[in-house]
Amino acid sequence: MKRLWLAVAATLMAGTASAGVPLFAAKCGPDLNVDTNPAGQVYINGNVAKVIERPDGQISANSHGVWVDITPQGDRPPRVTYTARDKSVGECEILSFKASHGGGHERESTAARAGQGRFDARAPIPCAQHKGQPMGQCDSGVARDPGGTATVVVTRPDGRTRAIFFEKGRAISADLSQADGSMHFHATKRGDLYVIEAGNERYEIPEALVFGG
């Protein structure tokens, strides 16, 4: 299953909690078990997976070369698919599921709002889509939370989008997938400018876009 940027919220480090992950257990093929816990962690065969939440709400988890894609469906069990290490794919059987009843009072994540086009600000930023390409200009939009947590969505020259995720003032990940040809992500800070390498792409994002002001 192609991993589009449209999905939330960030590559987070293994073991980091993720509020958007539904609580379920699933059987994926003959020898693959997936389950989650209330802290938002995803386990693949008992190993804590790295989680990427994307701005459309889809969640991807990766552990030891196995990918699991989770599509939450509110009070219904999520749709869960997998890509095994041998590249075989399939749909998982949901064994158990607990719906969340938060009363609707929790604020949606920046990635969820960005995926719906609900931006707090828009601005052009310097960008380059290919390695060695001179920097040009790309349109971008940002959904923010206080304290430097934000999702910046950049519209690339080819019309596709790239989401870049910030947490507490740090650029932590982008919505890269194997289909992009490179999962490389690197971010540095030069004064008030974030310099981002995402796959073969480069972006320069002003601090003011992330924090506002």
N, C-alpha and C. Protein backbone atom coordinates (compact mmCIF):
# COMPACT_ATOMS: atom_id res chain seq x y z
N MET A 1 0.84 -1.19 0.00
CA MET A 1 0.00 0.00 0.00
C MET A 1 0.88 1.23 0.00
N LYS A 2 0.62 2.12 -0.93
CA LYS A 2 1.47 3.30 -1.05
C LYS A 2 1.27 4.21 0.14
N ARG A 3 2.40 4.66 0.69
CA ARG A 3 2.32 5.50 1.88
C ARG A 3 2.35 6.96 1.47
N LEU A 4 1.19 7.56 1.31
CA LEU A 4 1.08 8.95 0.94
C LEU A 4 1.43 9.83 2.13
N TRP A 5 1.78 11.10 1.86
CA TRP A 5 2.04 12.01 2.98
C TRP A 5 0.78 12.18 3.79
N LEU A 6 -0.38 12.12 3.13
CA LEU A 6 -1.63 12.32 3.83
C LEU A 6 -1.77 11.27 4.90
N ALA A 7 -1.34 11.63 6.08
CA ALA A 7 -1.42 10.82 7.26
C ALA A 7 -0.75 11.52 8.39
N VAL A 8 -1.06 11.23 9.56
CA VAL A 8 -0.54 12.09 10.58
C VAL A 8 0.59 11.61 11.29
N ALA A 9 0.82 12.84 11.64
CA ALA A 9 1.66 13.17 12.68
C ALA A 9 2.87 12.35 12.79
N ALA A 10 3.84 12.51 12.29
CA ALA A 10 5.21 12.42 12.39
C ALA A 10 5.83 11.10 12.32
N THR A 11 7.95 10.95 11.37
CA THR A 11 8.45 9.74 12.02
C THR A 11 8.81 10.12 13.42
N LEU A 12 8.15 9.41 14.38
CA LEU A 12 8.54 9.59 15.76
C LEU A 12 9.54 8.51 16.10
N MET A 13 10.32 8.76 17.15
CA MET A 13 11.26 7.74 17.58
C MET A 13 10.50 6.56 18.15
N ALA A 14 11.12 5.40 18.07
CA ALA A 14 10.48 4.19 18.59
C ALA A 14 10.11 4.40 20.05
N GLY A 15 8.86 4.00 20.38
CA GLY A 15 8.41 4.09 21.75
C GLY A 15 7.73 5.40 22.09
N THR A 16 7.72 6.39 21.20
CA THR A 16 7.07 7.65 21.50
C THR A 16 5.56 7.48 21.43
N ALA A 17 4.85 8.06 22.36
CA ALA A 17 3.40 7.92 22.38
C ALA A 17 2.78 8.69 21.23
N SER A 18 1.64 8.18 20.74
CA SER A 18 0.94 8.80 19.64
C SER A 18 -0.55 8.77 19.93
N ALA A 19 -1.13 9.95 20.13
CA ALA A 19 -2.51 10.01 20.60
C ALA A 19 -3.51 9.55 19.56
N GLY A 20 -3.15 9.53 18.27
CA GLY A 20 -4.10 9.18 17.23
C GLY A 20 -4.20 7.71 16.94
N VAL A 21 -3.40 6.87 17.59
CA VAL A 21 -3.39 5.43 17.30
C VAL A 21 -4.55 4.75 18.01
N PRO A 22 -5.44 4.07 17.26
CA PRO A 22 -6.54 3.36 17.92
C PRO A 22 -6.04 2.16 18.70
N LEU A 23 -6.83 1.73 19.66
CA LEU A 23 -6.46 0.61 20.53
C LEU A 23 -7.03 -0.68 19.93
N PHE A 24 -6.14 -1.57 19.46
CA PHE A 24 -6.61 -2.79 18.80
C PHE A 24 -5.52 -3.86 18.84
N ALA A 25 -5.92 -5.06 18.48
CA ALA A 25 -4.98 -6.16 18.22
C ALA A 25 -5.39 -6.79 16.90
N ALA A 26 -4.41 -7.21 16.10
CA ALA A 26 -4.71 -7.74 14.78
C ALA A 26 -3.76 -8.86 14.41
N LYS A 27 -4.25 -9.74 13.56
CA LYS A 27 -3.45 -10.82 12.97
C LYS A 27 -3.24 -10.48 11.50
N CYS A 28 -1.96 -10.40 11.11
CA CYS A 28 -1.61 -9.99 9.75
C CYS A 28 -0.84 -11.12 9.07
N GLY A 29 -1.53 -11.97 8.35
CA GLY A 29 -0.85 -13.09 7.72
C GLY A 29 -0.53 -14.16 8.74
N PRO A 30 0.24 -15.18 8.31
CA PRO A 30 0.46 -16.35 9.17
C PRO A 30 1.37 -16.11 10.36
N ASP A 31 2.28 -15.14 10.28
CA ASP A 31 3.28 -15.01 11.34
C ASP A 31 3.54 -13.56 11.74
N LEU A 32 2.48 -12.72 11.66
CA LEU A 32 2.64 -11.31 11.97
C LEU A 32 1.49 -10.86 12.88
N ASN A 33 1.85 -10.39 14.07
CA ASN A 33 0.87 -9.90 15.03
C ASN A 33 1.11 -8.43 15.30
N VAL A 34 0.05 -7.66 15.35
CA VAL A 34 0.14 -6.22 15.58
C VAL A 34 -0.82 -5.85 16.69
N ASP A 35 -0.34 -5.06 17.66
CA ASP A 35 -1.24 -4.54 18.68
C ASP A 35 -0.75 -3.18 19.14
N THR A 36 -1.62 -2.45 19.81
CA THR A 36 -1.30 -1.11 20.30
C THR A 36 -1.63 -1.02 21.77
N ASN A 37 -1.16 0.05 22.42
CA ASN A 37 -1.48 0.25 23.83
C ASN A 37 -2.07 1.64 24.04
N PRO A 38 -2.61 1.93 25.23
CA PRO A 38 -3.25 3.23 25.46
C PRO A 38 -2.31 4.42 25.31
N ALA A 39 -1.01 4.20 25.39
CA ALA A 39 -0.05 5.29 25.21
C ALA A 39 0.16 5.63 23.75
N GLY A 40 -0.45 4.87 22.83
CA GLY A 40 -0.31 5.16 21.41
C GLY A 40 0.85 4.46 20.76
N GLN A 41 1.47 3.50 21.44
CA GLN A 41 2.57 2.75 20.84
C GLN A 41 2.02 1.60 19.99
N VAL A 42 2.75 1.27 18.93
CA VAL A 42 2.40 0.15 18.06
C VAL A 42 3.45 -0.94 18.22
N TYR A 43 3.02 -2.17 18.41
CA TYR A 43 3.91 -3.31 18.54
C TYR A 43 3.72 -4.24 17.34
N ILE A 44 4.82 -4.62 16.72
CA ILE A 44 4.81 -5.59 15.63
C ILE A 44 5.60 -6.80 16.10
N ASN A 45 4.90 -7.91 16.26
CA ASN A 45 5.51 -9.13 16.83
C ASN A 45 6.25 -8.84 18.13
N GLY A 46 5.64 -8.00 18.96
CA GLY A 46 6.19 -7.71 20.27
C GLY A 46 7.25 -6.63 20.31
N ASN A 47 7.66 -6.12 19.17
CA ASN A 47 8.67 -5.06 19.10
C ASN A 47 8.01 -3.70 18.93
N VAL A 48 8.47 -2.70 19.68
CA VAL A 48 7.93 -1.35 19.54
C VAL A 48 8.34 -0.80 18.18
N ALA A 49 7.36 -0.36 17.41
CA ALA A 49 7.59 0.13 16.05
C ALA A 49 7.79 1.65 16.04
N LYS A 50 8.47 2.11 15.02
CA LYS A 50 8.52 3.56 14.75
C LYS A 50 7.22 3.95 14.06
N VAL A 51 6.64 5.06 14.49
CA VAL A 51 5.31 5.44 14.04
C VAL A 51 5.36 6.74 13.24
N ILE A 52 4.63 6.77 12.14
CA ILE A 52 4.44 7.99 11.36
C ILE A 52 2.94 8.25 11.28
N GLU A 53 2.50 9.35 11.87
CA GLU A 53 1.10 9.77 11.71
C GLU A 53 1.06 10.82 10.62
N ARG A 54 0.18 10.64 9.67
CA ARG A 54 0.16 11.52 8.50
C ARG A 54 -1.06 12.43 8.53
N PRO A 55 -0.97 13.55 7.79
CA PRO A 55 -2.01 14.58 7.93
C PRO A 55 -3.41 14.18 7.52
N ASP A 56 -3.63 13.03 6.88
CA ASP A 56 -5.00 12.62 6.58
C ASP A 56 -5.53 11.67 7.64
N GLY A 57 -4.72 11.40 8.68
CA GLY A 57 -5.14 10.52 9.74
C GLY A 57 -4.60 9.11 9.64
N GLN A 58 -4.04 8.75 8.49
CA GLN A 58 -3.47 7.41 8.36
C GLN A 58 -2.19 7.31 9.17
N ILE A 59 -1.92 6.12 9.68
CA ILE A 59 -0.76 5.88 10.53
C ILE A 59 0.04 4.73 9.94
N SER A 60 1.35 4.90 9.81
CA SER A 60 2.24 3.84 9.38
C SER A 60 3.19 3.48 10.51
N ALA A 61 3.47 2.20 10.65
CA ALA A 61 4.40 1.73 11.67
C ALA A 61 5.40 0.79 11.01
N ASN A 62 6.66 0.88 11.46
CA ASN A 62 7.74 0.12 10.82
C ASN A 62 8.60 -0.53 11.90
N SER A 63 8.84 -1.84 11.75
CA SER A 63 9.73 -2.54 12.66
C SER A 63 10.41 -3.68 11.91
N HIS A 64 11.75 -3.67 11.90
CA HIS A 64 12.54 -4.74 11.31
C HIS A 64 12.10 -5.05 9.87
N GLY A 65 11.84 -4.00 9.09
CA GLY A 65 11.53 -4.19 7.67
C GLY A 65 10.09 -4.50 7.38
N VAL A 66 9.24 -4.56 8.40
CA VAL A 66 7.81 -4.80 8.22
C VAL A 66 7.06 -3.48 8.37
N TRP A 67 6.18 -3.19 7.42
CA TRP A 67 5.37 -1.97 7.47
C TRP A 67 3.92 -2.34 7.74
N VAL A 68 3.28 -1.59 8.61
CA VAL A 68 1.85 -1.74 8.86
C VAL A 68 1.19 -0.37 8.67
N ASP A 69 0.12 -0.32 7.89
CA ASP A 69 -0.62 0.91 7.66
C ASP A 69 -1.97 0.81 8.36
N ILE A 70 -2.28 1.81 9.18
CA ILE A 70 -3.49 1.81 10.01
C ILE A 70 -4.35 3.00 9.60
N THR A 71 -5.59 2.74 9.23
CA THR A 71 -6.54 3.80 8.89
C THR A 71 -7.64 3.83 9.95
N PRO A 72 -7.58 4.76 10.90
CA PRO A 72 -8.63 4.84 11.92
C PRO A 72 -9.99 5.12 11.29
N GLN A 73 -11.04 4.56 11.89
CA GLN A 73 -12.40 4.76 11.40
C GLN A 73 -13.35 5.11 12.54
N GLY A 74 -12.88 5.99 13.42
CA GLY A 74 -13.72 6.47 14.51
C GLY A 74 -14.09 5.36 15.47
N ASP A 75 -15.39 5.17 15.68
CA ASP A 75 -15.87 4.15 16.61
C ASP A 75 -15.93 2.77 15.99
N ARG A 76 -15.52 2.65 14.73
CA ARG A 76 -15.44 1.34 14.09
C ARG A 76 -13.99 0.85 14.10
N PRO A 77 -13.76 -0.45 14.02
CA PRO A 77 -12.38 -0.96 13.99
C PRO A 77 -11.60 -0.36 12.83
N PRO A 78 -10.32 -0.10 13.03
CA PRO A 78 -9.52 0.48 11.95
C PRO A 78 -9.30 -0.52 10.82
N ARG A 79 -8.98 0.00 9.65
CA ARG A 79 -8.51 -0.85 8.55
C ARG A 79 -7.00 -0.94 8.68
N VAL A 80 -6.47 -2.15 8.69
CA VAL A 80 -5.04 -2.36 8.89
C VAL A 80 -4.51 -3.25 7.77
N THR A 81 -3.48 -2.80 7.09
CA THR A 81 -2.82 -3.58 6.05
C THR A 81 -1.34 -3.69 6.36
N TYR A 82 -0.67 -4.63 5.72
CA TYR A 82 0.74 -4.84 6.02
C TYR A 82 1.54 -5.08 4.75
N THR A 83 2.84 -4.76 4.83
CA THR A 83 3.83 -5.13 3.82
C THR A 83 4.95 -5.85 4.56
N ALA A 84 5.08 -7.15 4.29
CA ALA A 84 6.07 -7.97 4.99
C ALA A 84 7.47 -7.74 4.41
N ARG A 85 8.47 -8.30 5.08
CA ARG A 85 9.86 -8.13 4.61
C ARG A 85 10.07 -8.70 3.22
N ASP A 86 9.29 -9.73 2.84
CA ASP A 86 9.42 -10.31 1.50
C ASP A 86 8.59 -9.56 0.46
N LYS A 87 8.04 -8.39 0.87
CA LYS A 87 7.25 -7.50 0.01
C LYS A 87 5.84 -8.01 -0.24
N SER A 88 5.46 -9.10 0.38
CA SER A 88 4.07 -9.55 0.27
C SER A 88 3.18 -8.58 1.04
N VAL A 89 1.96 -8.40 0.56
CA VAL A 89 1.04 -7.45 1.18
C VAL A 89 -0.28 -8.14 1.48
N GLY A 90 -1.03 -7.57 2.39
CA GLY A 90 -2.32 -8.14 2.71
C GLY A 90 -3.06 -7.29 3.72
N GLU A 91 -4.29 -7.70 4.02
CA GLU A 91 -5.11 -7.00 4.99
C GLU A 91 -5.15 -7.81 6.28
N CYS A 92 -5.10 -7.10 7.39
CA CYS A 92 -5.05 -7.75 8.70
C CYS A 92 -6.46 -8.03 9.23
N GLU A 93 -6.56 -9.06 10.03
CA GLU A 93 -7.81 -9.39 10.71
C GLU A 93 -7.80 -8.75 12.10
N ILE A 94 -8.78 -7.91 12.37
CA ILE A 94 -8.87 -7.25 13.67
C ILE A 94 -9.42 -8.25 14.69
N LEU A 95 -8.64 -8.53 15.73
CA LEU A 95 -9.04 -9.49 16.75
C LEU A 95 -9.76 -8.80 17.91
N SER A 96 -9.36 -7.58 18.22
CA SER A 96 -10.03 -6.83 19.28
C SER A 96 -9.87 -5.34 19.00
N PHE A 97 -10.81 -4.55 19.51
CA PHE A 97 -10.79 -3.11 19.26
C PHE A 97 -11.57 -2.42 20.37
N LYS A 98 -11.01 -1.31 20.86
CA LYS A 98 -11.70 -0.50 21.86
C LYS A 98 -11.85 0.91 21.32
N ALA A 99 -13.09 1.36 21.16
CA ALA A 99 -13.35 2.70 20.64
C ALA A 99 -13.00 3.74 21.69
N SER A 100 -12.54 4.89 21.21
CA SER A 100 -12.23 6.01 22.10
C SER A 100 -13.45 6.89 22.22
N HIS A 101 -13.79 7.28 23.43
CA HIS A 101 -14.94 8.17 23.67
C HIS A 101 -14.45 9.37 24.46
N GLY A 102 -13.75 10.24 23.77
CA GLY A 102 -13.17 11.40 24.45
C GLY A 102 -14.10 12.58 24.59
N GLY A 103 -15.34 12.44 24.05
CA GLY A 103 -16.29 13.53 24.20
C GLY A 103 -16.08 14.67 23.24
N GLY A 104 -15.08 14.55 22.35
CA GLY A 104 -14.89 15.56 21.32
C GLY A 104 -14.24 16.83 21.80
N HIS A 105 -13.66 16.82 23.01
CA HIS A 105 -13.11 18.05 23.55
C HIS A 105 -11.62 18.21 23.28
N GLU A 106 -10.95 17.16 22.84
CA GLU A 106 -9.53 17.25 22.59
C GLU A 106 -9.26 17.96 21.26
N ARG A 107 -8.28 18.80 21.26
CA ARG A 107 -7.90 19.51 20.04
C ARG A 107 -7.21 18.55 19.09
N GLU A 108 -7.57 18.62 17.81
CA GLU A 108 -6.94 17.75 16.83
C GLU A 108 -5.46 18.10 16.68
N SER A 109 -4.66 17.11 16.30
CA SER A 109 -3.24 17.33 16.12
C SER A 109 -2.99 18.29 14.96
N THR A 110 -1.80 18.88 14.95
CA THR A 110 -1.45 19.77 13.84
C THR A 110 -1.47 19.03 12.52
N ALA A 111 -1.03 17.76 12.52
CA ALA A 111 -1.01 16.99 11.28
C ALA A 111 -2.40 16.71 10.77
N ALA A 112 -3.34 16.42 11.67
CA ALA A 112 -4.72 16.18 11.25
C ALA A 112 -5.31 17.45 10.65
N ARG A 113 -5.07 18.59 11.29
CA ARG A 113 -5.60 19.85 10.76
C ARG A 113 -4.95 20.21 9.42
N ALA A 114 -3.63 19.97 9.32
CA ALA A 114 -2.94 20.25 8.06
C ALA A 114 -3.48 19.37 6.93
N GLY A 115 -3.76 18.11 7.24
CA GLY A 115 -4.28 17.21 6.23
C GLY A 115 -5.64 17.62 5.72
N GLN A 116 -6.38 18.38 6.52
CA GLN A 116 -7.69 18.89 6.11
C GLN A 116 -7.60 20.30 5.51
N GLY A 117 -6.37 20.80 5.37
CA GLY A 117 -6.17 22.13 4.80
C GLY A 117 -6.52 23.26 5.75
N ARG A 118 -6.58 22.97 7.04
CA ARG A 118 -6.92 23.98 8.04
C ARG A 118 -5.62 24.59 8.59
N PHE A 119 -5.06 25.52 7.83
CA PHE A 119 -3.76 26.10 8.15
C PHE A 119 -3.92 27.38 8.97
N ASP A 120 -2.94 27.60 9.84
CA ASP A 120 -2.89 28.85 10.60
C ASP A 120 -2.22 29.97 9.81
N ALA A 121 -1.39 29.60 8.85
CA ALA A 121 -0.70 30.60 8.01
C ALA A 121 -0.21 29.93 6.74
N ARG A 122 0.03 30.72 5.74
CA ARG A 122 0.61 30.26 4.47
C ARG A 122 1.74 31.21 4.08
N ALA A 123 2.77 30.66 3.45
CA ALA A 123 3.89 31.50 3.02
C ALA A 123 4.74 30.73 2.02
N PRO A 124 5.37 31.41 1.07
CA PRO A 124 6.33 30.73 0.19
C PRO A 124 7.63 30.46 0.94
N ILE A 125 8.27 29.36 0.62
CA ILE A 125 9.57 29.04 1.23
C ILE A 125 10.53 28.56 0.15
N PRO A 126 11.85 28.71 0.36
CA PRO A 126 12.82 28.16 -0.58
C PRO A 126 12.77 26.64 -0.60
N CYS A 127 12.88 26.07 -1.79
CA CYS A 127 12.79 24.61 -1.91
C CYS A 127 13.52 24.13 -3.15
N ALA A 128 13.90 22.86 -3.15
CA ALA A 128 14.46 22.19 -4.33
C ALA A 128 13.97 20.75 -4.28
N GLN A 129 13.47 20.27 -5.41
CA GLN A 129 12.86 18.95 -5.43
C GLN A 129 13.86 17.84 -5.71
N HIS A 130 14.95 18.16 -6.42
CA HIS A 130 15.91 17.13 -6.82
C HIS A 130 17.31 17.48 -6.32
N LYS A 131 18.12 16.47 -6.14
CA LYS A 131 19.50 16.66 -5.68
C LYS A 131 20.27 17.53 -6.67
N GLY A 132 20.97 18.54 -6.15
CA GLY A 132 21.76 19.42 -6.99
C GLY A 132 20.98 20.51 -7.68
N GLN A 133 19.67 20.52 -7.54
CA GLN A 133 18.83 21.53 -8.19
C GLN A 133 18.92 22.85 -7.42
N PRO A 134 19.01 23.99 -8.13
CA PRO A 134 19.01 25.29 -7.44
C PRO A 134 17.71 25.48 -6.68
N MET A 135 17.78 26.24 -5.59
CA MET A 135 16.60 26.50 -4.79
C MET A 135 15.64 27.40 -5.54
N GLY A 136 14.36 27.05 -5.49
CA GLY A 136 13.29 27.88 -6.03
C GLY A 136 12.34 28.26 -4.92
N GLN A 137 11.08 28.49 -5.26
CA GLN A 137 10.07 28.84 -4.28
C GLN A 137 8.93 27.84 -4.33
N CYS A 138 8.46 27.43 -3.17
CA CYS A 138 7.30 26.54 -3.05
C CYS A 138 6.29 27.17 -2.09
N ASP A 139 5.02 26.97 -2.38
CA ASP A 139 3.99 27.40 -1.45
C ASP A 139 3.96 26.45 -0.25
N SER A 140 3.63 26.99 0.91
CA SER A 140 3.52 26.15 2.09
C SER A 140 2.40 26.65 2.99
N GLY A 141 1.88 25.74 3.78
CA GLY A 141 0.91 26.07 4.81
C GLY A 141 1.32 25.40 6.11
N VAL A 142 0.95 26.00 7.23
CA VAL A 142 1.35 25.45 8.53
C VAL A 142 0.15 25.39 9.47
N ALA A 143 0.03 24.28 10.17
CA ALA A 143 -0.90 24.15 11.30
C ALA A 143 -0.06 24.09 12.56
N ARG A 144 -0.39 24.92 13.56
CA ARG A 144 0.48 25.08 14.72
C ARG A 144 -0.23 24.73 16.02
N ASP A 145 0.56 24.28 16.98
CA ASP A 145 0.20 24.25 18.38
C ASP A 145 1.22 25.10 19.13
N PRO A 146 0.91 25.55 20.33
CA PRO A 146 1.88 26.35 21.07
C PRO A 146 3.17 25.58 21.34
N GLY A 147 4.26 26.33 21.47
CA GLY A 147 5.52 25.74 21.87
C GLY A 147 6.35 25.14 20.75
N GLY A 148 6.03 25.46 19.51
CA GLY A 148 6.86 24.98 18.40
C GLY A 148 6.48 23.62 17.87
N THR A 149 5.28 23.13 18.17
CA THR A 149 4.78 21.91 17.54
C THR A 149 3.93 22.31 16.34
N ALA A 150 4.28 21.77 15.17
CA ALA A 150 3.63 22.22 13.94
C ALA A 150 3.79 21.18 12.85
N THR A 151 2.91 21.27 11.86
CA THR A 151 3.04 20.51 10.63
C THR A 151 3.06 21.50 9.47
N VAL A 152 4.15 21.49 8.71
CA VAL A 152 4.29 22.34 7.54
C VAL A 152 4.09 21.48 6.30
N VAL A 153 3.15 21.87 5.46
CA VAL A 153 2.87 21.14 4.22
C VAL A 153 3.34 22.00 3.05
N VAL A 154 4.27 21.48 2.28
CA VAL A 154 4.86 22.20 1.16
C VAL A 154 4.32 21.62 -0.14
N THR A 155 3.89 22.49 -1.04
CA THR A 155 3.48 22.05 -2.38
C THR A 155 4.69 22.14 -3.30
N ARG A 156 5.15 21.00 -3.77
CA ARG A 156 6.37 20.92 -4.57
C ARG A 156 6.12 21.38 -5.99
N PRO A 157 7.19 21.63 -6.76
CA PRO A 157 7.02 22.08 -8.14
C PRO A 157 6.22 21.12 -9.02
N ASP A 158 6.24 19.81 -8.69
CA ASP A 158 5.47 18.85 -9.49
C ASP A 158 4.02 18.76 -9.06
N GLY A 159 3.61 19.60 -8.10
CA GLY A 159 2.23 19.64 -7.65
C GLY A 159 1.92 18.73 -6.48
N ARG A 160 2.83 17.82 -6.15
CA ARG A 160 2.62 16.95 -5.00
C ARG A 160 3.04 17.68 -3.72
N THR A 161 2.74 17.08 -2.59
CA THR A 161 3.00 17.75 -1.32
C THR A 161 3.99 16.96 -0.47
N ARG A 162 4.64 17.68 0.40
CA ARG A 162 5.54 17.08 1.38
C ARG A 162 5.19 17.67 2.75
N ALA A 163 4.95 16.81 3.73
CA ALA A 163 4.67 17.27 5.09
C ALA A 163 5.93 17.13 5.94
N ILE A 164 6.23 18.16 6.71
CA ILE A 164 7.38 18.18 7.60
C ILE A 164 6.86 18.46 9.01
N PHE A 165 7.28 17.65 9.96
CA PHE A 165 6.72 17.68 11.29
C PHE A 165 7.71 18.27 12.29
N PHE A 166 7.20 19.15 13.17
CA PHE A 166 8.00 19.80 14.19
C PHE A 166 7.40 19.49 15.56
N GLU A 167 8.28 19.28 16.52
CA GLU A 167 7.83 19.03 17.89
C GLU A 167 8.73 19.82 18.84
N LYS A 168 8.11 20.70 19.61
CA LYS A 168 8.82 21.53 20.59
C LYS A 168 10.01 22.25 19.95
N GLY A 169 9.78 22.80 18.76
CA GLY A 169 10.80 23.59 18.11
C GLY A 169 11.84 22.81 17.34
N ARG A 170 11.70 21.48 17.25
CA ARG A 170 12.65 20.65 16.50
C ARG A 170 11.96 20.04 15.29
N ALA A 171 12.63 20.07 14.15
CA ALA A 171 12.14 19.36 12.97
C ALA A 171 12.48 17.89 13.17
N ILE A 172 11.45 17.02 13.28
CA ILE A 172 11.71 15.64 13.67
C ILE A 172 11.54 14.63 12.54
N SER A 173 10.74 14.96 11.50
CA SER A 173 10.53 13.97 10.45
C SER A 173 9.74 14.57 9.30
N ALA A 174 9.66 13.82 8.22
CA ALA A 174 8.82 14.15 7.08
C ALA A 174 8.06 12.90 6.67
N ASP A 175 7.06 13.07 5.81
CA ASP A 175 6.21 11.94 5.43
C ASP A 175 6.83 11.16 4.27
N LEU A 176 8.08 10.77 4.43
CA LEU A 176 8.78 10.01 3.40
C LEU A 176 8.33 8.56 3.42
N SER A 177 8.39 7.92 2.27
CA SER A 177 8.10 6.49 2.19
C SER A 177 9.11 5.86 1.24
N GLN A 178 9.10 4.55 1.16
CA GLN A 178 10.01 3.84 0.27
C GLN A 178 9.78 4.25 -1.18
N ALA A 179 8.56 4.66 -1.51
CA ALA A 179 8.26 5.08 -2.88
C ALA A 179 9.02 6.34 -3.28
N ASP A 180 9.50 7.11 -2.29
CA ASP A 180 10.27 8.33 -2.61
C ASP A 180 11.70 8.02 -3.02
N GLY A 181 12.14 6.78 -2.83
CA GLY A 181 13.49 6.40 -3.22
C GLY A 181 14.52 6.62 -2.15
N SER A 182 14.22 7.43 -1.14
CA SER A 182 15.14 7.68 -0.05
C SER A 182 14.33 8.07 1.17
N MET A 183 14.67 7.48 2.32
CA MET A 183 14.02 7.82 3.58
C MET A 183 14.89 8.76 4.42
N HIS A 184 15.94 9.30 3.82
CA HIS A 184 16.87 10.17 4.54
C HIS A 184 16.16 11.43 5.01
N PHE A 185 16.38 11.77 6.28
CA PHE A 185 15.87 13.02 6.83
C PHE A 185 16.93 13.63 7.72
N HIS A 186 17.22 14.90 7.49
CA HIS A 186 18.22 15.60 8.30
C HIS A 186 17.79 17.05 8.42
N ALA A 187 17.90 17.59 9.62
CA ALA A 187 17.51 18.99 9.85
C ALA A 187 18.58 19.69 10.67
N THR A 188 18.92 20.89 10.28
CA THR A 188 19.82 21.73 11.05
C THR A 188 19.17 23.10 11.22
N LYS A 189 19.71 23.88 12.13
CA LYS A 189 19.19 25.22 12.40
C LYS A 189 20.31 26.22 12.14
N ARG A 190 20.05 27.18 11.30
CA ARG A 190 20.98 28.27 11.01
C ARG A 190 20.31 29.58 11.39
N GLY A 191 20.63 30.07 12.57
CA GLY A 191 19.96 31.27 13.04
C GLY A 191 18.49 30.99 13.24
N ASP A 192 17.63 31.73 12.53
CA ASP A 192 16.19 31.52 12.66
C ASP A 192 15.63 30.74 11.47
N LEU A 193 16.49 29.91 10.84
CA LEU A 193 16.08 29.17 9.65
C LEU A 193 16.33 27.67 9.85
N TYR A 194 15.30 26.86 9.61
CA TYR A 194 15.46 25.41 9.58
C TYR A 194 15.87 24.98 8.18
N VAL A 195 16.96 24.25 8.08
CA VAL A 195 17.42 23.72 6.79
C VAL A 195 17.14 22.23 6.80
N ILE A 196 16.24 21.81 5.91
CA ILE A 196 15.71 20.45 5.93
C ILE A 196 16.16 19.69 4.69
N GLU A 197 16.65 18.46 4.91
CA GLU A 197 16.87 17.51 3.81
C GLU A 197 15.89 16.36 4.01
N ALA A 198 15.04 16.13 3.01
CA ALA A 198 14.04 15.07 3.07
C ALA A 198 14.14 14.25 1.79
N GLY A 199 14.75 13.07 1.87
CA GLY A 199 15.05 12.34 0.65
C GLY A 199 16.03 13.16 -0.17
N ASN A 200 15.69 13.41 -1.43
CA ASN A 200 16.52 14.25 -2.30
C ASN A 200 16.07 15.71 -2.31
N GLU A 201 15.10 16.03 -1.50
CA GLU A 201 14.52 17.36 -1.49
C GLU A 201 15.18 18.23 -0.41
N ARG A 202 15.13 19.55 -0.61
CA ARG A 202 15.67 20.49 0.37
C ARG A 202 14.67 21.61 0.60
N TYR A 203 14.57 22.01 1.85
CA TYR A 203 13.64 23.08 2.22
C TYR A 203 14.30 23.99 3.24
N GLU A 204 13.95 25.27 3.19
CA GLU A 204 14.39 26.24 4.18
C GLU A 204 13.14 26.88 4.78
N ILE A 205 12.93 26.61 6.07
CA ILE A 205 11.67 27.00 6.71
C ILE A 205 11.98 28.00 7.83
N PRO A 206 11.46 29.22 7.73
CA PRO A 206 11.72 30.20 8.79
C PRO A 206 11.11 29.77 10.12
N GLU A 207 11.80 30.08 11.19
CA GLU A 207 11.31 29.79 12.53
C GLU A 207 9.95 30.43 12.77
N ALA A 208 9.74 31.61 12.22
CA ALA A 208 8.48 32.32 12.42
C ALA A 208 7.30 31.57 11.84
N LEU A 209 7.52 30.79 10.79
CA LEU A 209 6.43 30.00 10.23
C LEU A 209 5.99 28.91 11.20
N VAL A 210 6.95 28.35 11.92
CA VAL A 210 6.64 27.27 12.87
C VAL A 210 6.02 27.80 14.15
N PHE A 211 6.56 28.89 14.69
CA PHE A 211 6.11 29.42 15.96
C PHE A 211 5.03 30.47 15.84
N GLY A 212 4.92 31.11 14.66
CA GLY A 212 4.01 32.23 14.50
C GLY A 212 4.67 33.50 14.97
N GLY A 213 3.92 34.60 14.85
CA GLY A 213 4.48 35.87 15.29
C GLY A 213 4.80 36.78 14.14
